């Protein structure tokens, strides 16, 4: 709730042009709606997780500041001898 209030405060006081939110759940829909309605750009970084559909429709873009993590199951399969590659190891 505090993050949502901070976004609302920044928006209404015109203290920023862009919000980059590191999250992906629908709890932030009201804050995103307010920010965009007031002309603020709303960017989401979900850290490579699924974004809730309700939130997705209220953002201006998706981006990530971090590289996509390696799937340990795929990495382990690539290291195991005798297991044919399905393209994940390349």
PDB file of N, CA and C in Angstrom:
ATOM      1  N   UNK A   1       0.824  -1.187   0.000  1.00  0.00           N
ATOM      2  CA  UNK A   1       0.000   0.000   0.000  1.00  0.00           C
ATOM      3  C   UNK A   1       0.875   1.259   0.000  1.00  0.00           C
ATOM      4  N   UNK A   2       1.983   1.205   0.719  1.00  0.00           N
ATOM      5  CA  UNK A   2       2.861   2.376   0.806  1.00  0.00           C
ATOM      6  C   UNK A   2       3.416   2.759  -0.571  1.00  0.00           C
ATOM      7  N   UNK A   3       3.790   1.765  -1.367  1.00  0.00           N
ATOM      8  CA  UNK A   3       4.329   2.074  -2.700  1.00  0.00           C
ATOM      9  C   UNK A   3       3.262   2.750  -3.557  1.00  0.00           C
ATOM     10  N   UNK A   4       2.042   2.260  -3.475  1.00  0.00           N
ATOM     11  CA  UNK A   4       0.940   2.874  -4.217  1.00  0.00           C
ATOM     12  C   UNK A   4       0.717   4.318  -3.807  1.00  0.00           C
ATOM     13  N   UNK A   5       0.799   4.591  -2.506  1.00  0.00           N
ATOM     14  CA  UNK A   5       0.652   5.963  -2.014  1.00  0.00           C
ATOM     15  C   UNK A   5       1.806   6.844  -2.490  1.00  0.00           C
ATOM     16  N   UNK A   6       3.003   6.293  -2.497  1.00  0.00           N
ATOM     17  CA  UNK A   6       4.161   7.052  -2.995  1.00  0.00           C
ATOM     18  C   UNK A   6       4.000   7.396  -4.472  1.00  0.00           C
ATOM     19  N   UNK A   7       3.522   6.445  -5.261  1.00  0.00           N
ATOM     20  CA  UNK A   7       3.293   6.702  -6.690  1.00  0.00           C
ATOM     21  C   UNK A   7       2.244   7.797  -6.853  1.00  0.00           C
ATOM     22  N   UNK A   8       1.170   7.722  -6.075  1.00  0.00           N
ATOM     23  CA  UNK A   8       0.121   8.747  -6.149  1.00  0.00           C
ATOM     24  C   UNK A   8       0.672  10.120  -5.764  1.00  0.00           C
ATOM     25  N   UNK A   9       1.467  10.166  -4.717  1.00  0.00           N
ATOM     26  CA  UNK A   9       2.044  11.433  -4.273  1.00  0.00           C
ATOM     27  C   UNK A   9       2.975  12.028  -5.328  1.00  0.00           C
ATOM     28  N   UNK A  10       3.864  11.213  -5.877  1.00  0.00           N
ATOM     29  CA  UNK A  10       4.768  11.684  -6.932  1.00  0.00           C
ATOM     30  C   UNK A  10       3.985  12.200  -8.136  1.00  0.00           C
ATOM     31  N   UNK A  11       2.922  11.494  -8.464  1.00  0.00           N
ATOM     32  CA  UNK A  11       2.104  11.857  -9.614  1.00  0.00           C
ATOM     33  C   UNK A  11       1.399  13.189  -9.400  1.00  0.00           C
ATOM     34  N   UNK A  12       0.703  13.300  -8.276  1.00  0.00           N
ATOM     35  CA  UNK A  12      -0.111  14.495  -8.042  1.00  0.00           C
ATOM     36  C   UNK A  12       0.734  15.741  -7.776  1.00  0.00           C
ATOM     37  N   UNK A  13       1.939  15.554  -7.249  1.00  0.00           N
ATOM     38  CA  UNK A  13       2.838  16.691  -7.015  1.00  0.00           C
ATOM     39  C   UNK A  13       3.716  16.992  -8.230  1.00  0.00           C
ATOM     40  N   UNK A  14       3.536  16.187  -9.300  1.00  0.00           N
ATOM     41  CA  UNK A  14       4.319  16.361 -10.545  1.00  0.00           C
ATOM     42  C   UNK A  14       5.824  16.348 -10.262  1.00  0.00           C
ATOM     43  N   UNK A  15       6.263  15.414  -9.409  1.00  0.00           N
ATOM     44  CA  UNK A  15       7.672  15.326  -9.028  1.00  0.00           C
ATOM     45  C   UNK A  15       8.472  14.372  -9.907  1.00  0.00           C
ATOM     46  N   UNK A  16       7.825  13.722 -10.846  1.00  0.00           N
ATOM     47  CA  UNK A  16       8.513  12.797 -11.759  1.00  0.00           C
ATOM     48  C   UNK A  16       7.746  12.745 -13.066  1.00  0.00           C
ATOM     49  N   UNK A  17       8.443  12.308 -14.107  1.00  0.00           N
ATOM     50  CA  UNK A  17       7.801  12.108 -15.414  1.00  0.00           C
ATOM     51  C   UNK A  17       7.521  10.635 -15.678  1.00  0.00           C
ATOM     52  N   UNK A  18       8.305   9.771 -15.022  1.00  0.00           N
ATOM     53  CA  UNK A  18       8.231   8.327 -15.274  1.00  0.00           C
ATOM     54  C   UNK A  18       8.325   7.565 -13.960  1.00  0.00           C
ATOM     55  N   UNK A  19       7.529   6.526 -13.859  1.00  0.00           N
ATOM     56  CA  UNK A  19       7.621   5.584 -12.745  1.00  0.00           C
ATOM     57  C   UNK A  19       8.072   4.257 -13.327  1.00  0.00           C
ATOM     58  N   UNK A  20       9.087   3.646 -12.704  1.00  0.00           N
ATOM     59  CA  UNK A  20       9.486   2.289 -13.054  1.00  0.00           C
ATOM     60  C   UNK A  20       9.189   1.436 -11.832  1.00  0.00           C
ATOM     61  N   UNK A  21       8.201   0.580 -11.950  1.00  0.00           N
ATOM     62  CA  UNK A  21       7.768  -0.259 -10.839  1.00  0.00           C
ATOM     63  C   UNK A  21       8.319  -1.668 -11.021  1.00  0.00           C
ATOM     64  N   UNK A  22       8.979  -2.177  -9.993  1.00  0.00           N
ATOM     65  CA  UNK A  22       9.506  -3.540 -10.021  1.00  0.00           C
ATOM     66  C   UNK A  22       8.510  -4.409  -9.275  1.00  0.00           C
ATOM     67  N   UNK A  23       7.545  -4.925 -10.023  1.00  0.00           N
ATOM     68  CA  UNK A  23       6.476  -5.767  -9.480  1.00  0.00           C
ATOM     69  C   UNK A  23       5.644  -6.264 -10.657  1.00  0.00           C
ATOM     70  N   UNK A  24       4.597  -6.996 -10.373  1.00  0.00           N
ATOM     71  CA  UNK A  24       3.757  -7.470 -11.461  1.00  0.00           C
ATOM     72  C   UNK A  24       2.363  -7.877 -11.026  1.00  0.00           C
ATOM     73  N   UNK A  25       2.006  -7.587  -9.782  1.00  0.00           N
ATOM     74  CA  UNK A  25       0.693  -8.011  -9.316  1.00  0.00           C
ATOM     75  C   UNK A  25      -0.327  -6.882  -9.423  1.00  0.00           C
ATOM     76  N   UNK A  26      -1.589  -7.240  -9.344  1.00  0.00           N
ATOM     77  CA  UNK A  26      -2.674  -6.295  -9.595  1.00  0.00           C
ATOM     78  C   UNK A  26      -2.889  -5.300  -8.457  1.00  0.00           C
ATOM     79  N   UNK A  27      -2.169  -5.403  -7.356  1.00  0.00           N
ATOM     80  CA  UNK A  27      -2.307  -4.438  -6.263  1.00  0.00           C
ATOM     81  C   UNK A  27      -1.971  -3.018  -6.717  1.00  0.00           C
ATOM     82  N   UNK A  28      -1.204  -2.892  -7.793  1.00  0.00           N
ATOM     83  CA  UNK A  28      -0.750  -1.577  -8.233  1.00  0.00           C
ATOM     84  C   UNK A  28      -1.601  -0.992  -9.357  1.00  0.00           C
ATOM     85  N   UNK A  29      -2.704  -1.645  -9.701  1.00  0.00           N
ATOM     86  CA  UNK A  29      -3.571  -1.140 -10.774  1.00  0.00           C
ATOM     87  C   UNK A  29      -4.070   0.279 -10.469  1.00  0.00           C
ATOM     88  N   UNK A  30      -4.608   0.561  -9.278  1.00  0.00           N
ATOM     89  CA  UNK A  30      -5.089   1.934  -9.036  1.00  0.00           C
ATOM     90  C   UNK A  30      -3.980   2.983  -9.158  1.00  0.00           C
ATOM     91  N   UNK A  31      -2.786   2.682  -8.680  1.00  0.00           N
ATOM     92  CA  UNK A  31      -1.674   3.631  -8.790  1.00  0.00           C
ATOM     93  C   UNK A  31      -1.281   3.834 -10.247  1.00  0.00           C
ATOM     94  N   UNK A  32      -1.235   2.753 -11.022  1.00  0.00           N
ATOM     95  CA  UNK A  32      -0.894   2.857 -12.442  1.00  0.00           C
ATOM     96  C   UNK A  32      -1.951   3.657 -13.198  1.00  0.00           C
ATOM     97  N   UNK A  33      -3.215   3.426 -12.893  1.00  0.00           N
ATOM     98  CA  UNK A  33      -4.297   4.170 -13.551  1.00  0.00           C
ATOM     99  C   UNK A  33      -4.172   5.666 -13.268  1.00  0.00           C
ATOM    100  N   UNK A  34      -3.951   6.005 -12.009  1.00  0.00           N
ATOM    101  CA  UNK A  34      -3.825   7.414 -11.639  1.00  0.00           C
ATOM    102  C   UNK A  34      -2.628   8.055 -12.334  1.00  0.00           C
ATOM    103  N   UNK A  35      -1.494   7.385 -12.288  1.00  0.00           N
ATOM    104  CA  UNK A  35      -0.284   7.939 -12.891  1.00  0.00           C
ATOM    105  C   UNK A  35      -0.480   8.187 -14.385  1.00  0.00           C
ATOM    106  N   UNK A  36      -1.022   7.229 -15.086  1.00  0.00           N
ATOM    107  CA  UNK A  36      -1.207   7.402 -16.533  1.00  0.00           C
ATOM    108  C   UNK A  36      -2.272   8.450 -16.835  1.00  0.00           C
ATOM    109  N   UNK A  37      -3.328   8.481 -16.041  1.00  0.00           N
ATOM    110  CA  UNK A  37      -4.381   9.480 -16.253  1.00  0.00           C
ATOM    111  C   UNK A  37      -3.824  10.905 -16.091  1.00  0.00           C
ATOM    112  N   UNK A  38      -2.829  11.050 -15.213  1.00  0.00           N
ATOM    113  CA  UNK A  38      -2.214  12.355 -14.976  1.00  0.00           C
ATOM    114  C   UNK A  38      -1.037  12.632 -15.907  1.00  0.00           C
ATOM    115  N   UNK A  39      -0.779  11.737 -16.864  1.00  0.00           N
ATOM    116  CA  UNK A  39       0.239  11.980 -17.877  1.00  0.00           C
ATOM    117  C   UNK A  39       1.617  11.422 -17.575  1.00  0.00           C
ATOM    118  N   UNK A  40       1.746  10.650 -16.526  1.00  0.00           N
ATOM    119  CA  UNK A  40       3.040  10.058 -16.180  1.00  0.00           C
ATOM    120  C   UNK A  40       3.243   8.765 -16.973  1.00  0.00           C
ATOM    121  N   UNK A  41       4.467   8.535 -17.406  1.00  0.00           N
ATOM    122  CA  UNK A  41       4.804   7.278 -18.076  1.00  0.00           C
ATOM    123  C   UNK A  41       4.981   6.208 -17.000  1.00  0.00           C
ATOM    124  N   UNK A  42       4.382   5.038 -17.232  1.00  0.00           N
ATOM    125  CA  UNK A  42       4.407   3.963 -16.231  1.00  0.00           C
ATOM    126  C   UNK A  42       5.050   2.726 -16.851  1.00  0.00           C
ATOM    127  N   UNK A  43       6.276   2.428 -16.421  1.00  0.00           N
ATOM    128  CA  UNK A  43       7.048   1.301 -16.936  1.00  0.00           C
ATOM    129  C   UNK A  43       7.091   0.220 -15.859  1.00  0.00           C
ATOM    130  N   UNK A  44       7.018  -1.017 -16.280  1.00  0.00           N
ATOM    131  CA  UNK A  44       6.999  -2.140 -15.345  1.00  0.00           C
ATOM    132  C   UNK A  44       8.193  -3.057 -15.588  1.00  0.00           C
ATOM    133  N   UNK A  45       8.860  -3.432 -14.506  1.00  0.00           N
ATOM    134  CA  UNK A  45       9.920  -4.444 -14.543  1.00  0.00           C
ATOM    135  C   UNK A  45       9.475  -5.586 -13.636  1.00  0.00           C
ATOM    136  N   UNK A  46       8.911  -6.645 -14.205  1.00  0.00           N
ATOM    137  CA  UNK A  46       8.391  -7.740 -13.386  1.00  0.00           C
ATOM    138  C   UNK A  46       9.435  -8.788 -13.008  1.00  0.00           C
ATOM    139  N   UNK A  47      10.714  -8.482 -13.243  1.00  0.00           N
ATOM    140  CA  UNK A  47      11.800  -9.435 -12.940  1.00  0.00           C
ATOM    141  C   UNK A  47      11.537 -10.804 -13.568  1.00  0.00           C
ATOM    142  N   UNK A  48      11.122 -10.780 -14.812  1.00  0.00           N
ATOM    143  CA  UNK A  48      10.914 -11.976 -15.629  1.00  0.00           C
ATOM    144  C   UNK A  48       9.779 -12.869 -15.130  1.00  0.00           C
ATOM    145  N   UNK A  49       8.891 -12.326 -14.303  1.00  0.00           N
ATOM    146  CA  UNK A  49       7.734 -13.076 -13.830  1.00  0.00           C
ATOM    147  C   UNK A  49       6.510 -12.675 -14.648  1.00  0.00           C
ATOM    148  N   UNK A  50       5.454 -13.473 -14.550  1.00  0.00           N
ATOM    149  CA  UNK A  50       4.213 -13.177 -15.257  1.00  0.00           C
ATOM    150  C   UNK A  50       3.597 -11.901 -14.687  1.00  0.00           C
ATOM    151  N   UNK A  51       3.086 -11.078 -15.573  1.00  0.00           N
ATOM    152  CA  UNK A  51       2.416  -9.842 -15.174  1.00  0.00           C
ATOM    153  C   UNK A  51       0.919 -10.102 -15.161  1.00  0.00           C
ATOM    154  N   UNK A  52       0.269  -9.699 -14.089  1.00  0.00           N
ATOM    155  CA  UNK A  52      -1.179  -9.827 -13.990  1.00  0.00           C
ATOM    156  C   UNK A  52      -1.832  -9.059 -15.135  1.00  0.00           C
ATOM    157  N   UNK A  53      -2.823  -9.669 -15.794  1.00  0.00           N
ATOM    158  CA  UNK A  53      -3.484  -9.048 -16.942  1.00  0.00           C
ATOM    159  C   UNK A  53      -4.111  -7.693 -16.599  1.00  0.00           C
ATOM    160  N   UNK A  54      -4.675  -7.576 -15.392  1.00  0.00           N
ATOM    161  CA  UNK A  54      -5.288  -6.310 -14.982  1.00  0.00           C
ATOM    162  C   UNK A  54      -4.266  -5.180 -14.941  1.00  0.00           C
ATOM    163  N   UNK A  55      -3.040  -5.485 -14.508  1.00  0.00           N
ATOM    164  CA  UNK A  55      -1.991  -4.470 -14.462  1.00  0.00           C
ATOM    165  C   UNK A  55      -1.419  -4.209 -15.849  1.00  0.00           C
ATOM    166  N   UNK A  56      -1.282  -5.251 -16.653  1.00  0.00           N
ATOM    167  CA  UNK A  56      -0.668  -5.117 -17.975  1.00  0.00           C
ATOM    168  C   UNK A  56      -1.382  -4.075 -18.840  1.00  0.00           C
ATOM    169  N   UNK A  57      -2.697  -3.993 -18.714  1.00  0.00           N
ATOM    170  CA  UNK A  57      -3.427  -3.041 -19.557  1.00  0.00           C
ATOM    171  C   UNK A  57      -3.255  -1.593 -19.110  1.00  0.00           C
ATOM    172  N   UNK A  58      -2.591  -1.362 -17.977  1.00  0.00           N
ATOM    173  CA  UNK A  58      -2.419  -0.002 -17.461  1.00  0.00           C
ATOM    174  C   UNK A  58      -0.960   0.445 -17.414  1.00  0.00           C
ATOM    175  N   UNK A  59      -0.111  -0.150 -18.240  1.00  0.00           N
ATOM    176  CA  UNK A  59       1.295   0.253 -18.272  1.00  0.00           C
ATOM    177  C   UNK A  59       1.651   0.772 -19.659  1.00  0.00           C
ATOM    178  N   UNK A  60       2.741   1.521 -19.723  1.00  0.00           N
ATOM    179  CA  UNK A  60       3.222   2.034 -21.006  1.00  0.00           C
ATOM    180  C   UNK A  60       4.290   1.148 -21.620  1.00  0.00           C
ATOM    181  N   UNK A  61       4.943   0.327 -20.803  1.00  0.00           N
ATOM    182  CA  UNK A  61       5.973  -0.534 -21.350  1.00  0.00           C
ATOM    183  C   UNK A  61       6.536  -1.486 -20.317  1.00  0.00           C
ATOM    184  N   UNK A  62       7.192  -2.514 -20.830  1.00  0.00           N
ATOM    185  CA  UNK A  62       7.889  -3.496 -20.002  1.00  0.00           C
ATOM    186  C   UNK A  62       9.375  -3.397 -20.293  1.00  0.00           C
ATOM    187  N   UNK A  63      10.179  -3.466 -19.259  1.00  0.00           N
ATOM    188  CA  UNK A  63      11.622  -3.519 -19.455  1.00  0.00           C
ATOM    189  C   UNK A  63      12.236  -4.172 -18.234  1.00  0.00           C
ATOM    190  N   UNK A  64      13.455  -4.638 -18.398  1.00  0.00           N
ATOM    191  CA  UNK A  64      14.150  -5.222 -17.265  1.00  0.00           C
ATOM    192  C   UNK A  64      15.578  -4.712 -17.238  1.00  0.00           C
ATOM    193  N   UNK A  65      16.034  -4.400 -16.048  1.00  0.00           N
ATOM    194  CA  UNK A  65      17.410  -3.963 -15.875  1.00  0.00           C
ATOM    195  C   UNK A  65      18.346  -5.122 -15.604  1.00  0.00           C
ATOM    196  N   UNK A  66      17.798  -6.316 -15.518  1.00  0.00           N
ATOM    197  CA  UNK A  66      18.590  -7.506 -15.223  1.00  0.00           C
ATOM    198  C   UNK A  66      18.481  -8.523 -16.347  1.00  0.00           C
ATOM    199  N   UNK A  67      19.544  -9.324 -16.516  1.00  0.00           N
ATOM    200  CA  UNK A  67      19.497 -10.395 -17.505  1.00  0.00           C
ATOM    201  C   UNK A  67      18.531 -11.477 -17.041  1.00  0.00           C
ATOM    202  N   UNK A  68      17.921 -12.136 -17.998  1.00  0.00           N
ATOM    203  CA  UNK A  68      17.011 -13.244 -17.681  1.00  0.00           C
ATOM    204  C   UNK A  68      17.803 -14.345 -16.991  1.00  0.00           C
ATOM    205  N   UNK A  69      17.321 -14.838 -15.844  1.00  0.00           N
ATOM    206  CA  UNK A  69      18.051 -15.890 -15.131  1.00  0.00           C
ATOM    207  C   UNK A  69      18.050 -17.200 -15.919  1.00  0.00           C
ATOM    208  N   UNK A  70      19.080 -17.989 -15.703  1.00  0.00           N
ATOM    209  CA  UNK A  70      19.184 -19.286 -16.358  1.00  0.00           C
ATOM    210  C   UNK A  70      18.276 -20.269 -15.632  1.00  0.00           C
ATOM    211  N   UNK A  71      17.505 -21.020 -16.391  1.00  0.00           N
ATOM    212  CA  UNK A  71      16.649 -22.058 -15.811  1.00  0.00           C
ATOM    213  C   UNK A  71      17.550 -23.199 -15.370  1.00  0.00           C
ATOM    214  N   UNK A  72      17.622 -23.454 -14.086  1.00  0.00           N
ATOM    215  CA  UNK A  72      18.536 -24.479 -13.555  1.00  0.00           C
ATOM    216  C   UNK A  72      18.232 -25.869 -14.101  1.00  0.00           C
ATOM    217  N   UNK A  73      16.955 -26.171 -14.348  1.00  0.00           N
ATOM    218  CA  UNK A  73      16.603 -27.490 -14.883  1.00  0.00           C
ATOM    219  C   UNK A  73      17.182 -27.676 -16.279  1.00  0.00           C
ATOM    220  N   UNK A  74      17.099 -26.621 -17.083  1.00  0.00           N
ATOM    221  CA  UNK A  74      17.653 -26.690 -18.434  1.00  0.00           C
ATOM    222  C   UNK A  74      19.167 -26.781 -18.364  1.00  0.00           C
ATOM    223  N   UNK A  75      19.794 -25.964 -17.498  1.00  0.00           N
ATOM    224  CA  UNK A  75      21.252 -25.984 -17.378  1.00  0.00           C
ATOM    225  C   UNK A  75      21.742 -27.352 -16.921  1.00  0.00           C
ATOM    226  N   UNK A  76      21.061 -27.953 -15.962  1.00  0.00           N
ATOM    227  CA  UNK A  76      21.463 -29.276 -15.480  1.00  0.00           C
ATOM    228  C   UNK A  76      21.319 -30.330 -16.569  1.00  0.00           C
ATOM    229  N   UNK A  77      20.278 -30.253 -17.375  1.00  0.00           N
ATOM    230  CA  UNK A  77      20.082 -31.210 -18.456  1.00  0.00           C
ATOM    231  C   UNK A  77      21.172 -31.066 -19.515  1.00  0.00           C
ATOM    232  N   UNK A  78      21.635 -29.853 -19.728  1.00  0.00           N
ATOM    233  CA  UNK A  78      22.676 -29.617 -20.721  1.00  0.00           C
ATOM    234  C   UNK A  78      24.015 -30.205 -20.273  1.00  0.00           C
ATOM    235  N   UNK A  79      24.221 -30.277 -18.976  1.00  0.00           N
ATOM    236  CA  UNK A  79      25.486 -30.793 -18.454  1.00  0.00           C
ATOM    237  C   UNK A  79      25.479 -32.314 -18.324  1.00  0.00           C
ATOM    238  N   UNK A  80      24.299 -32.927 -18.328  1.00  0.00           N
ATOM    239  CA  UNK A  80      24.211 -34.374 -18.125  1.00  0.00           C
ATOM    240  C   UNK A  80      24.635 -35.107 -19.393  1.00  0.00           C
ATOM    241  N   UNK A  81      25.535 -36.102 -19.277  1.00  0.00           N
ATOM    242  CA  UNK A  81      25.982 -36.848 -20.464  1.00  0.00           C
ATOM    243  C   UNK A  81      24.866 -37.737 -21.006  1.00  0.00           C
ATOM    244  N   UNK A  82      24.819 -37.845 -22.312  1.00  0.00           N
ATOM    245  CA  UNK A  82      23.884 -38.772 -22.954  1.00  0.00           C
ATOM    246  C   UNK A  82      22.478 -38.248 -23.125  1.00  0.00           C
ATOM    247  N   UNK A  83      22.201 -37.016 -22.701  1.00  0.00           N
ATOM    248  CA  UNK A  83      20.864 -36.460 -22.875  1.00  0.00           C
ATOM    249  C   UNK A  83      20.894 -35.572 -24.108  1.00  0.00           C
ATOM    250  N   UNK A  84      20.075 -35.889 -25.102  1.00  0.00           N
ATOM    251  CA  UNK A  84      20.093 -35.102 -26.339  1.00  0.00           C
ATOM    252  C   UNK A  84      19.556 -33.684 -26.111  1.00  0.00           C
ATOM    253  N   UNK A  85      20.129 -32.757 -26.822  1.00  0.00           N
ATOM    254  CA  UNK A  85      19.720 -31.368 -26.733  1.00  0.00           C
ATOM    255  C   UNK A  85      18.419 -31.135 -27.493  1.00  0.00           C
ATOM    256  N   UNK A  86      17.529 -30.314 -26.933  1.00  0.00           N
ATOM    257  CA  UNK A  86      16.310 -29.912 -27.626  1.00  0.00           C
ATOM    258  C   UNK A  86      16.405 -28.446 -28.034  1.00  0.00           C
ATOM    259  N   UNK A  87      17.629 -27.940 -28.105  1.00  0.00           N
ATOM    260  CA  UNK A  87      17.823 -26.541 -28.485  1.00  0.00           C
ATOM    261  C   UNK A  87      18.040 -25.622 -27.309  1.00  0.00           C
ATOM    262  N   UNK A  88      17.753 -26.054 -26.084  1.00  0.00           N
ATOM    263  CA  UNK A  88      17.911 -25.199 -24.917  1.00  0.00           C
ATOM    264  C   UNK A  88      19.376 -24.987 -24.567  1.00  0.00           C
ATOM    265  N   UNK A  89      20.260 -25.872 -24.964  1.00  0.00           N
ATOM    266  CA  UNK A  89      21.654 -25.831 -24.534  1.00  0.00           C
ATOM    267  C   UNK A  89      22.514 -24.955 -25.432  1.00  0.00           C
ATOM    268  N   UNK A  90      21.999 -24.491 -26.505  1.00  0.00           N
ATOM    269  CA  UNK A  90      22.792 -23.729 -27.474  1.00  0.00           C
ATOM    270  C   UNK A  90      22.792 -22.262 -27.169  1.00  0.00           C
TER     271      UNK A  90
END
